[in-house]
Amino acid sequence: MEPLTPDEIARYQRHILLPEVGGAGQQKLKAARVLVIGAGGLGAPVLHYLAAAGVGSIGIVDDDRVSLSNLQRQVIHDTQTVGELKTASATAALARLNPHVRVICHEERFDQAFAALYLSGYDVLIDGSDNFDTRYAAADAAQAAERPLVTGAVGRFEGQLTVLKPYERDKDGCLFPRYRDLFPEKPPQGLVPACAQTGILGALTGVIGTLMAMETIKLITGIGNPLVGRLLLYDGLSARFDTVAYRRRREEGQHP
């Protein structure tokens, strides 16, 4: 792995002091390539904290532009960037934060065709999208490419996140669960309204997005116990966290 420069050693000193991370872990972060779907509410804290942590290459997939109503929660953007592409606005913000990080902009929507072209060039996929089509596409693509997926969702005052590695096995030899083991089918269109219809507390996206960044750092450095097979639920109004375990469902015709 590429050694850390003196400037990087000074910048990441608080990481390097952690025995669980150290210089070796920081080098893993520097070598890592992470693809983030969405530079919005969840993507903003994810991008900020991954760049601050020294993730060497960060890809951003987003075809939207910054609007004034985004700024209540999408804190990577600001008033001066309203109307700009979110990828461009986010790239400028990350450059100001950490010049050692390389940002790759993909000004398009994530789908199976995009994944076939680009996903193999990344080590981890993070889904901060706001629609079910993209969430299922991301889950299918990450499973096919054998890339870990960190996925989160928010609504009003509540959020959730999990980590998926369905191509690996647990200590008992069982495959880890897939996204469809947790959510077998997309809900009917219109059943789950978007935040543009119901509203969302801006700080909620910071809570869940920061946790998504934390899970990604754990995956890259190999520390701790990622949320594989566990769904973390957060209720902002009651300040309560709950964790629900889930397993891979038996497929039709499969023996116990």
C-alpha atoms as a PDB file:
ATOM      1  CA  MET A   1       0.000   0.000   0.000  1.00  0.00           C
ATOM      2  CA  GLU A   2       1.070   3.577  -0.627  1.00  0.00           C
ATOM      3  CA  PRO A   3       2.716   5.117   2.458  1.00  0.00           C
ATOM      4  CA  LEU A   4       1.181   8.091   4.233  1.00  0.00           C
ATOM      5  CA  THR A   5       2.772  11.489   3.656  1.00  0.00           C
ATOM      6  CA  PRO A   6       3.861  13.636   6.634  1.00  0.00           C
ATOM      7  CA  ASP A   7       0.819  15.858   6.028  1.00  0.00           C
ATOM      8  CA  GLU A   8      -1.477  12.840   6.097  1.00  0.00           C
ATOM      9  CA  ILE A   9       0.117  11.517   9.265  1.00  0.00           C
ATOM     10  CA  ALA A  10      -0.574  14.853  10.940  1.00  0.00           C
ATOM     11  CA  ARG A  11      -4.098  15.077   9.532  1.00  0.00           C
ATOM     12  CA  TYR A  12      -5.122  11.567  10.623  1.00  0.00           C
ATOM     13  CA  GLN A  13      -3.214  11.510  13.911  1.00  0.00           C
ATOM     14  CA  ARG A  14      -6.322  10.822  15.988  1.00  0.00           C
ATOM     15  CA  HIS A  15      -7.087   7.772  13.844  1.00  0.00           C
ATOM     16  CA  ILE A  16      -3.528   6.510  13.978  1.00  0.00           C
ATOM     17  CA  LEU A  17      -3.528   6.731  17.766  1.00  0.00           C
ATOM     18  CA  LEU A  18      -6.327   4.158  17.874  1.00  0.00           C
ATOM     19  CA  PRO A  19      -4.733   0.686  18.144  1.00  0.00           C
ATOM     20  CA  GLU A  20      -7.656  -0.771  16.179  1.00  0.00           C
ATOM     21  CA  VAL A  21      -6.901   1.532  13.241  1.00  0.00           C
ATOM     22  CA  GLY A  22      -3.281   2.650  13.431  1.00  0.00           C
ATOM     23  CA  GLY A  23      -1.130   3.427  10.442  1.00  0.00           C
ATOM     24  CA  ALA A  24      -2.115   0.204   8.668  1.00  0.00           C
ATOM     25  CA  GLY A  25      -5.812   0.998   8.941  1.00  0.00           C
ATOM     26  CA  GLN A  26      -5.247   4.523   7.691  1.00  0.00           C
ATOM     27  CA  GLN A  27      -3.384   3.147   4.697  1.00  0.00           C
ATOM     28  CA  LYS A  28      -6.377   0.897   3.965  1.00  0.00           C
ATOM     29  CA  LEU A  29      -8.606   3.971   4.003  1.00  0.00           C
ATOM     30  CA  LYS A  30      -6.243   5.769   1.653  1.00  0.00           C
ATOM     31  CA  ALA A  31      -6.290   2.831  -0.770  1.00  0.00           C
ATOM     32  CA  ALA A  32     -10.073   2.388  -0.628  1.00  0.00           C
ATOM     33  CA  ARG A  33     -12.479   3.240  -3.453  1.00  0.00           C
ATOM     34  CA  VAL A  34     -16.061   3.905  -2.312  1.00  0.00           C
ATOM     35  CA  LEU A  35     -19.070   4.623  -4.520  1.00  0.00           C
ATOM     36  CA  VAL A  36     -21.850   6.732  -2.983  1.00  0.00           C
ATOM     37  CA  ILE A  37     -25.316   6.833  -4.533  1.00  0.00           C
ATOM     38  CA  GLY A  38     -26.789  10.267  -3.905  1.00  0.00           C
ATOM     39  CA  ALA A  39     -25.267  13.555  -2.742  1.00  0.00           C
ATOM     40  CA  GLY A  40     -28.407  14.441  -0.790  1.00  0.00           C
ATOM     41  CA  GLY A  41     -29.547  14.139   2.805  1.00  0.00           C
ATOM     42  CA  LEU A  42     -27.815  10.842   3.571  1.00  0.00           C
ATOM     43  CA  GLY A  43     -25.005  11.319   1.088  1.00  0.00           C
ATOM     44  CA  ALA A  44     -23.948  14.650   2.606  1.00  0.00           C
ATOM     45  CA  PRO A  45     -22.711  13.298   5.977  1.00  0.00           C
ATOM     46  CA  VAL A  46     -21.448  10.103   4.335  1.00  0.00           C
ATOM     47  CA  LEU A  47     -19.309  12.089   1.896  1.00  0.00           C
ATOM     48  CA  HIS A  48     -18.093  14.539   4.531  1.00  0.00           C
ATOM     49  CA  TYR A  49     -16.975  11.883   6.995  1.00  0.00           C
ATOM     50  CA  LEU A  50     -15.427   9.541   4.434  1.00  0.00           C
ATOM     51  CA  ALA A  51     -13.421  12.411   2.959  1.00  0.00           C
ATOM     52  CA  ALA A  52     -12.386  13.593   6.417  1.00  0.00           C
ATOM     53  CA  ALA A  53     -11.363  10.016   7.283  1.00  0.00           C
ATOM     54  CA  GLY A  54      -9.047   9.884   4.282  1.00  0.00           C
ATOM     55  CA  VAL A  55     -10.838   7.478   1.947  1.00  0.00           C
ATOM     56  CA  GLY A  56      -8.637   7.814  -1.114  1.00  0.00           C
ATOM     57  CA  SER A  57     -11.194   7.694  -3.933  1.00  0.00           C
ATOM     58  CA  ILE A  58     -14.876   8.564  -3.618  1.00  0.00           C
ATOM     59  CA  GLY A  59     -17.319   8.207  -6.488  1.00  0.00           C
ATOM     60  CA  ILE A  60     -20.587  10.149  -6.430  1.00  0.00           C
ATOM     61  CA  VAL A  61     -23.589   9.080  -8.520  1.00  0.00           C
ATOM     62  CA  ASP A  62     -26.242  11.795  -8.810  1.00  0.00           C
ATOM     63  CA  ASP A  63     -27.935  13.546 -11.725  1.00  0.00           C
ATOM     64  CA  ASP A  64     -29.838  16.144  -9.682  1.00  0.00           C
ATOM     65  CA  ARG A  65     -29.189  19.838  -9.061  1.00  0.00           C
ATOM     66  CA  VAL A  66     -29.121  21.695  -5.738  1.00  0.00           C
ATOM     67  CA  SER A  67     -32.402  23.388  -4.835  1.00  0.00           C
ATOM     68  CA  LEU A  68     -33.171  25.762  -1.982  1.00  0.00           C
ATOM     69  CA  SER A  69     -35.396  23.188  -0.259  1.00  0.00           C
ATOM     70  CA  ASN A  70     -32.410  20.775  -0.123  1.00  0.00           C
ATOM     71  CA  LEU A  71     -30.363  22.981   2.181  1.00  0.00           C
ATOM     72  CA  GLN A  72     -32.355  22.172   5.322  1.00  0.00           C
ATOM     73  CA  ARG A  73     -30.720  18.713   5.380  1.00  0.00           C
ATOM     74  CA  GLN A  74     -28.178  18.373   2.529  1.00  0.00           C
ATOM     75  CA  VAL A  75     -25.407  20.165   4.385  1.00  0.00           C
ATOM     76  CA  ILE A  76     -22.667  19.474   1.847  1.00  0.00           C
ATOM     77  CA  HIS A  77     -24.300  22.155  -0.333  1.00  0.00           C
ATOM     78  CA  ASP A  78     -24.914  25.824   0.460  1.00  0.00           C
ATOM     79  CA  THR A  79     -26.842  28.848  -0.750  1.00  0.00           C
ATOM     80  CA  GLN A  80     -24.165  29.755  -3.290  1.00  0.00           C
ATOM     81  CA  THR A  81     -24.457  26.379  -5.052  1.00  0.00           C
ATOM     82  CA  VAL A  82     -28.231  26.416  -5.621  1.00  0.00           C
ATOM     83  CA  GLY A  83     -28.796  25.427  -9.247  1.00  0.00           C
ATOM     84  CA  GLU A  84     -25.469  23.606  -9.589  1.00  0.00           C
ATOM     85  CA  LEU A  85     -25.142  19.890 -10.191  1.00  0.00           C
ATOM     86  CA  LYS A  86     -24.948  18.153  -6.823  1.00  0.00           C
ATOM     87  CA  THR A  87     -21.865  16.259  -7.928  1.00  0.00           C
ATOM     88  CA  ALA A  88     -20.038  19.518  -8.680  1.00  0.00           C
ATOM     89  CA  SER A  89     -21.168  21.186  -5.461  1.00  0.00           C
ATOM     90  CA  ALA A  90     -20.151  18.157  -3.371  1.00  0.00           C
ATOM     91  CA  THR A  91     -16.801  17.845  -5.119  1.00  0.00           C
ATOM     92  CA  ALA A  92     -15.925  21.462  -4.323  1.00  0.00           C
ATOM     93  CA  ALA A  93     -16.902  20.992  -0.678  1.00  0.00           C
ATOM     94  CA  LEU A  94     -14.791  17.841  -0.334  1.00  0.00           C
ATOM     95  CA  ALA A  95     -11.798  19.521  -1.987  1.00  0.00           C
ATOM     96  CA  ARG A  96     -11.957  22.255   0.648  1.00  0.00           C
ATOM     97  CA  LEU A  97     -12.169  19.645   3.389  1.00  0.00           C
ATOM     98  CA  ASN A  98      -9.408  17.279   2.255  1.00  0.00           C
ATOM     99  CA  PRO A  99      -7.232  17.811  -0.834  1.00  0.00           C
ATOM    100  CA  HIS A 100      -5.838  14.269  -0.528  1.00  0.00           C
ATOM    101  CA  VAL A 101      -9.159  12.715  -1.585  1.00  0.00           C
ATOM    102  CA  ARG A 102      -9.924  12.042  -5.250  1.00  0.00           C
ATOM    103  CA  VAL A 103     -13.575  12.523  -6.207  1.00  0.00           C
ATOM    104  CA  ILE A 104     -15.048  10.862  -9.299  1.00  0.00           C
ATOM    105  CA  CYS A 105     -18.313  12.372 -10.532  1.00  0.00           C
ATOM    106  CA  HIS A 106     -20.957  10.278 -12.269  1.00  0.00           C
ATOM    107  CA  GLU A 107     -23.678  12.708 -13.359  1.00  0.00           C
ATOM    108  CA  GLU A 108     -26.317  10.076 -13.996  1.00  0.00           C
ATOM    109  CA  ARG A 109     -28.719   7.768 -12.204  1.00  0.00           C
ATOM    110  CA  PHE A 110     -27.609   4.490 -10.715  1.00  0.00           C
ATOM    111  CA  ASP A 111     -29.105   1.476 -12.482  1.00  0.00           C
ATOM    112  CA  GLN A 112     -28.032  -1.973 -13.641  1.00  0.00           C
ATOM    113  CA  ALA A 113     -26.355  -0.595 -16.770  1.00  0.00           C
ATOM    114  CA  PHE A 114     -24.327   1.885 -14.708  1.00  0.00           C
ATOM    115  CA  ALA A 115     -23.360  -0.837 -12.230  1.00  0.00           C
ATOM    116  CA  ALA A 116     -22.178  -3.120 -15.030  1.00  0.00           C
ATOM    117  CA  LEU A 117     -19.816  -0.386 -16.241  1.00  0.00           C
ATOM    118  CA  TYR A 118     -18.449   1.043 -13.005  1.00  0.00           C
ATOM    119  CA  LEU A 119     -19.149  -0.947  -9.839  1.00  0.00           C
ATOM    120  CA  SER A 120     -16.248  -3.390 -10.254  1.00  0.00           C
ATOM    121  CA  GLY A 121     -13.888  -0.424  -9.891  1.00  0.00           C
ATOM    122  CA  TYR A 122     -15.031   0.248  -6.328  1.00  0.00           C
ATOM    123  CA  ASP A 123     -14.576  -1.647  -3.059  1.00  0.00           C
ATOM    124  CA  VAL A 124     -17.770  -0.609  -1.242  1.00  0.00           C
ATOM    125  CA  LEU A 125     -21.169   0.657  -2.400  1.00  0.00           C
ATOM    126  CA  ILE A 126     -23.202   3.057  -0.250  1.00  0.00           C
ATOM    127  CA  ASP A 127     -26.843   3.654  -1.085  1.00  0.00           C
ATOM    128  CA  GLY A 128     -28.231   6.967   0.125  1.00  0.00           C
ATOM    129  CA  SER A 129     -30.974   7.123  -2.504  1.00  0.00           C
ATOM    130  CA  ASP A 130     -34.572   8.123  -1.837  1.00  0.00           C
ATOM    131  CA  ASN A 131     -36.472   5.651  -4.029  1.00  0.00           C
ATOM    132  CA  PHE A 132     -37.114   1.933  -4.051  1.00  0.00           C
ATOM    133  CA  ASP A 133     -36.085   1.326  -7.676  1.00  0.00           C
ATOM    134  CA  THR A 134     -32.555   2.486  -6.914  1.00  0.00           C
ATOM    135  CA  ARG A 135     -32.393   0.598  -3.608  1.00  0.00           C
ATOM    136  CA  TYR A 136     -33.272  -2.712  -5.234  1.00  0.00           C
ATOM    137  CA  ALA A 137     -30.963  -2.036  -8.189  1.00  0.00           C
ATOM    138  CA  ALA A 138     -28.114  -1.268  -5.791  1.00  0.00           C
ATOM    139  CA  ALA A 139     -28.741  -4.423  -3.768  1.00  0.00           C
ATOM    140  CA  ASP A 140     -28.843  -6.645  -6.850  1.00  0.00           C
ATOM    141  CA  ALA A 141     -25.745  -5.046  -8.366  1.00  0.00           C
ATOM    142  CA  ALA A 142     -23.702  -5.241  -5.161  1.00  0.00           C
ATOM    143  CA  GLN A 143     -24.600  -8.897  -4.712  1.00  0.00           C
ATOM    144  CA  ALA A 144     -23.681  -9.748  -8.312  1.00  0.00           C
ATOM    145  CA  ALA A 145     -20.381  -7.849  -8.094  1.00  0.00           C
ATOM    146  CA  GLU A 146     -19.643  -9.235  -4.612  1.00  0.00           C
ATOM    147  CA  ARG A 147     -19.264  -5.789  -3.110  1.00  0.00           C
ATOM    148  CA  PRO A 148     -20.459  -4.902   0.407  1.00  0.00           C
ATOM    149  CA  LEU A 149     -23.451  -2.568   0.449  1.00  0.00           C
ATOM    150  CA  VAL A 150     -24.229  -0.048   3.173  1.00  0.00           C
ATOM    151  CA  THR A 151     -27.833   1.067   2.756  1.00  0.00           C
ATOM    152  CA  GLY A 152     -29.952   3.499   4.751  1.00  0.00           C
ATOM    153  CA  ALA A 153     -33.334   5.162   4.592  1.00  0.00           C
ATOM    154  CA  VAL A 154     -35.099   7.976   6.444  1.00  0.00           C
ATOM    155  CA  GLY A 155     -38.588   9.380   6.806  1.00  0.00           C
ATOM    156  CA  ARG A 156     -40.069  12.113   9.006  1.00  0.00           C
ATOM    157  CA  PHE A 157     -38.409  11.354  12.372  1.00  0.00           C
ATOM    158  CA  GLU A 158     -37.222   7.767  11.829  1.00  0.00           C
ATOM    159  CA  GLY A 159     -34.328   6.082  10.061  1.00  0.00           C
ATOM    160  CA  GLN A 160     -32.752   2.710   9.462  1.00  0.00           C
ATOM    161  CA  LEU A 161     -29.595   1.159   8.075  1.00  0.00           C
ATOM    162  CA  THR A 162     -27.979  -2.212   7.455  1.00  0.00           C
ATOM    163  CA  VAL A 163     -24.937  -3.771   5.788  1.00  0.00           C
ATOM    164  CA  LEU A 164     -25.243  -6.485   3.150  1.00  0.00           C
ATOM    165  CA  LYS A 165     -22.672  -9.124   2.186  1.00  0.00           C
ATOM    166  CA  PRO A 166     -24.874 -11.912   0.776  1.00  0.00           C
ATOM    167  CA  TYR A 167     -21.974 -13.527  -1.097  1.00  0.00           C
ATOM    168  CA  GLU A 168     -20.169 -14.424   2.162  1.00  0.00           C
ATOM    169  CA  ARG A 169     -20.951 -17.003   4.844  1.00  0.00           C
ATOM    170  CA  ASP A 170     -21.235 -16.737   8.609  1.00  0.00           C
ATOM    171  CA  LYS A 171     -19.337 -18.841  11.134  1.00  0.00           C
ATOM    172  CA  ASP A 172     -21.876 -21.659  10.695  1.00  0.00           C
ATOM    173  CA  GLY A 173     -21.395 -21.776   6.944  1.00  0.00           C
ATOM    174  CA  CYS A 174     -24.713 -20.102   6.100  1.00  0.00           C
ATOM    175  CA  LEU A 175     -24.856 -17.361   3.485  1.00  0.00           C
ATOM    176  CA  PHE A 176     -25.541 -13.906   4.863  1.00  0.00           C
ATOM    177  CA  PRO A 177     -28.965 -12.448   4.005  1.00  0.00           C
ATOM    178  CA  ARG A 178     -29.849 -10.453   0.919  1.00  0.00           C
ATOM    179  CA  TYR A 179     -31.783  -7.190   0.702  1.00  0.00           C
ATOM    180  CA  ARG A 180     -34.835  -9.138  -0.468  1.00  0.00           C
ATOM    181  CA  ASP A 181     -34.661 -11.309   2.651  1.00  0.00           C
ATOM    182  CA  LEU A 182     -35.347  -8.114   4.580  1.00  0.00           C
ATOM    183  CA  PHE A 183     -37.675  -6.436   2.065  1.00  0.00           C
ATOM    184  CA  PRO A 184     -38.959  -9.138  -0.327  1.00  0.00           C
ATOM    185  CA  GLU A 185     -40.811  -6.806  -2.684  1.00  0.00           C
ATOM    186  CA  LYS A 186     -41.034  -3.121  -3.490  1.00  0.00           C
ATOM    187  CA  PRO A 187     -44.098  -1.501  -1.904  1.00  0.00           C
ATOM    188  CA  PRO A 188     -46.834  -0.442  -4.342  1.00  0.00           C
ATOM    189  CA  GLN A 189     -46.182   2.943  -5.905  1.00  0.00           C
ATOM    190  CA  GLY A 190     -47.517   5.731  -3.709  1.00  0.00           C
ATOM    191  CA  LEU A 191     -47.831   3.589  -0.569  1.00  0.00           C
ATOM    192  CA  VAL A 192     -44.699   5.113   0.988  1.00  0.00           C
ATOM    193  CA  PRO A 193     -44.797   8.879   0.345  1.00  0.00           C
ATOM    194  CA  ALA A 194     -41.600  10.811  -0.300  1.00  0.00           C
ATOM    195  CA  CYS A 195     -40.232  13.400   2.121  1.00  0.00           C
ATOM    196  CA  ALA A 196     -41.362  16.112  -0.315  1.00  0.00           C
ATOM    197  CA  GLN A 197     -44.906  15.120   0.649  1.00  0.00           C
ATOM    198  CA  THR A 198     -44.547  14.269   4.341  1.00  0.00           C
ATOM    199  CA  GLY A 199     -41.540  16.331   5.428  1.00  0.00           C
ATOM    200  CA  ILE A 200     -38.365  15.264   7.230  1.00  0.00           C
ATOM    201  CA  LEU A 201     -36.354  16.633  10.125  1.00  0.00           C
ATOM    202  CA  GLY A 202     -33.015  17.657   8.648  1.00  0.00           C
ATOM    203  CA  ALA A 203     -30.831  16.475  11.532  1.00  0.00           C
ATOM    204  CA  LEU A 204     -32.224  12.932  11.127  1.00  0.00           C
ATOM    205  CA  THR A 205     -30.281  12.499   7.888  1.00  0.00           C
ATOM    206  CA  GLY A 206     -27.135  13.473   9.770  1.00  0.00           C
ATOM    207  CA  VAL A 207     -27.707  10.759  12.368  1.00  0.00           C
ATOM    208  CA  ILE A 208     -28.270   7.973   9.848  1.00  0.00           C
ATOM    209  CA  GLY A 209     -25.722   9.200   7.298  1.00  0.00           C
ATOM    210  CA  THR A 210     -22.997   9.428   9.928  1.00  0.00           C
ATOM    211  CA  LEU A 211     -23.755   5.877  11.053  1.00  0.00           C
ATOM    212  CA  MET A 212     -23.503   4.752   7.411  1.00  0.00           C
ATOM    213  CA  ALA A 213     -20.060   6.357   7.199  1.00  0.00           C
ATOM    214  CA  MET A 214     -19.068   4.585  10.423  1.00  0.00           C
ATOM    215  CA  GLU A 215     -20.123   1.201   9.031  1.00  0.00           C
ATOM    216  CA  THR A 216     -18.154   1.876   5.849  1.00  0.00           C
ATOM    217  CA  ILE A 217     -14.999   2.735   7.781  1.00  0.00           C
ATOM    218  CA  LYS A 218     -15.396  -0.501   9.765  1.00  0.00           C
ATOM    219  CA  LEU A 219     -15.701  -2.496   6.538  1.00  0.00           C
ATOM    220  CA  ILE A 220     -12.603  -0.900   5.013  1.00  0.00           C
ATOM    221  CA  THR A 221     -10.378  -1.217   8.070  1.00  0.00           C
ATOM    222  CA  GLY A 222     -11.732  -4.591   9.201  1.00  0.00           C
ATOM    223  CA  ILE A 223     -12.553  -3.443  12.728  1.00  0.00           C
ATOM    224  CA  GLY A 224     -15.605  -4.080  14.866  1.00  0.00           C
ATOM    225  CA  ASN A 225     -18.790  -5.906  13.954  1.00  0.00           C
ATOM    226  CA  PRO A 226     -20.608  -4.406  10.947  1.00  0.00           C
ATOM    227  CA  LEU A 227     -24.395  -4.477  10.736  1.00  0.00           C
ATOM    228  CA  VAL A 228     -24.490  -7.601   8.555  1.00  0.00           C
ATOM    229  CA  GLY A 229     -27.746  -9.469   9.201  1.00  0.00           C
ATOM    230  CA  ARG A 230     -28.905  -6.709  11.528  1.00  0.00           C
ATOM    231  CA  LEU A 231     -31.203  -3.765  10.836  1.00  0.00           C
ATOM    232  CA  LEU A 232     -30.577  -0.717  13.024  1.00  0.00           C
ATOM    233  CA  LEU A 233     -33.710   1.360  13.662  1.00  0.00           C
ATOM    234  CA  TYR A 234     -33.695   4.894  15.064  1.00  0.00           C
ATOM    235  CA  ASP A 235     -36.677   6.837  16.411  1.00  0.00           C
ATOM    236  CA  GLY A 236     -35.641  10.456  16.687  1.00  0.00           C
ATOM    237  CA  LEU A 237     -38.630  11.594  18.744  1.00  0.00           C
ATOM    238  CA  SER A 238     -38.015   9.072  21.516  1.00  0.00           C
ATOM    239  CA  ALA A 239     -34.216   9.013  21.060  1.00  0.00           C
ATOM    240  CA  ARG A 240     -34.366   5.226  20.820  1.00  0.00           C
ATOM    241  CA  PHE A 241     -32.209   2.768  18.893  1.00  0.00           C
ATOM    242  CA  ASP A 242     -33.318  -0.824  18.241  1.00  0.00           C
ATOM    243  CA  THR A 243     -31.571  -3.611  16.356  1.00  0.00           C
ATOM    244  CA  VAL A 244     -33.489  -6.360  14.570  1.00  0.00           C
ATOM    245  CA  ALA A 245     -31.672  -9.513  13.424  1.00  0.00           C
ATOM    246  CA  TYR A 246     -32.683 -11.079  10.117  1.00  0.00           C
ATOM    247  CA  ARG A 247     -31.548 -14.160   8.213  1.00  0.00           C
ATOM    248  CA  ARG A 248     -31.434 -15.481   4.686  1.00  0.00           C
ATOM    249  CA  ARG A 249     -34.748 -16.987   3.637  1.00  0.00           C
ATOM    250  CA  ARG A 250     -34.829 -20.518   2.311  1.00  0.00           C
ATOM    251  CA  GLU A 251     -35.424 -20.532  -1.410  1.00  0.00           C
ATOM    252  CA  GLU A 252     -38.104 -22.699  -2.960  1.00  0.00           C
ATOM    253  CA  GLY A 253     -36.925 -26.287  -3.286  1.00  0.00           C
ATOM    254  CA  GLN A 254     -34.022 -25.743  -0.903  1.00  0.00           C
ATOM    255  CA  HIS A 255     -33.579 -28.259   1.902  1.00  0.00           C
ATOM    256  CA  PRO A 256     -33.345 -27.037   5.508  1.00  0.00           C
END
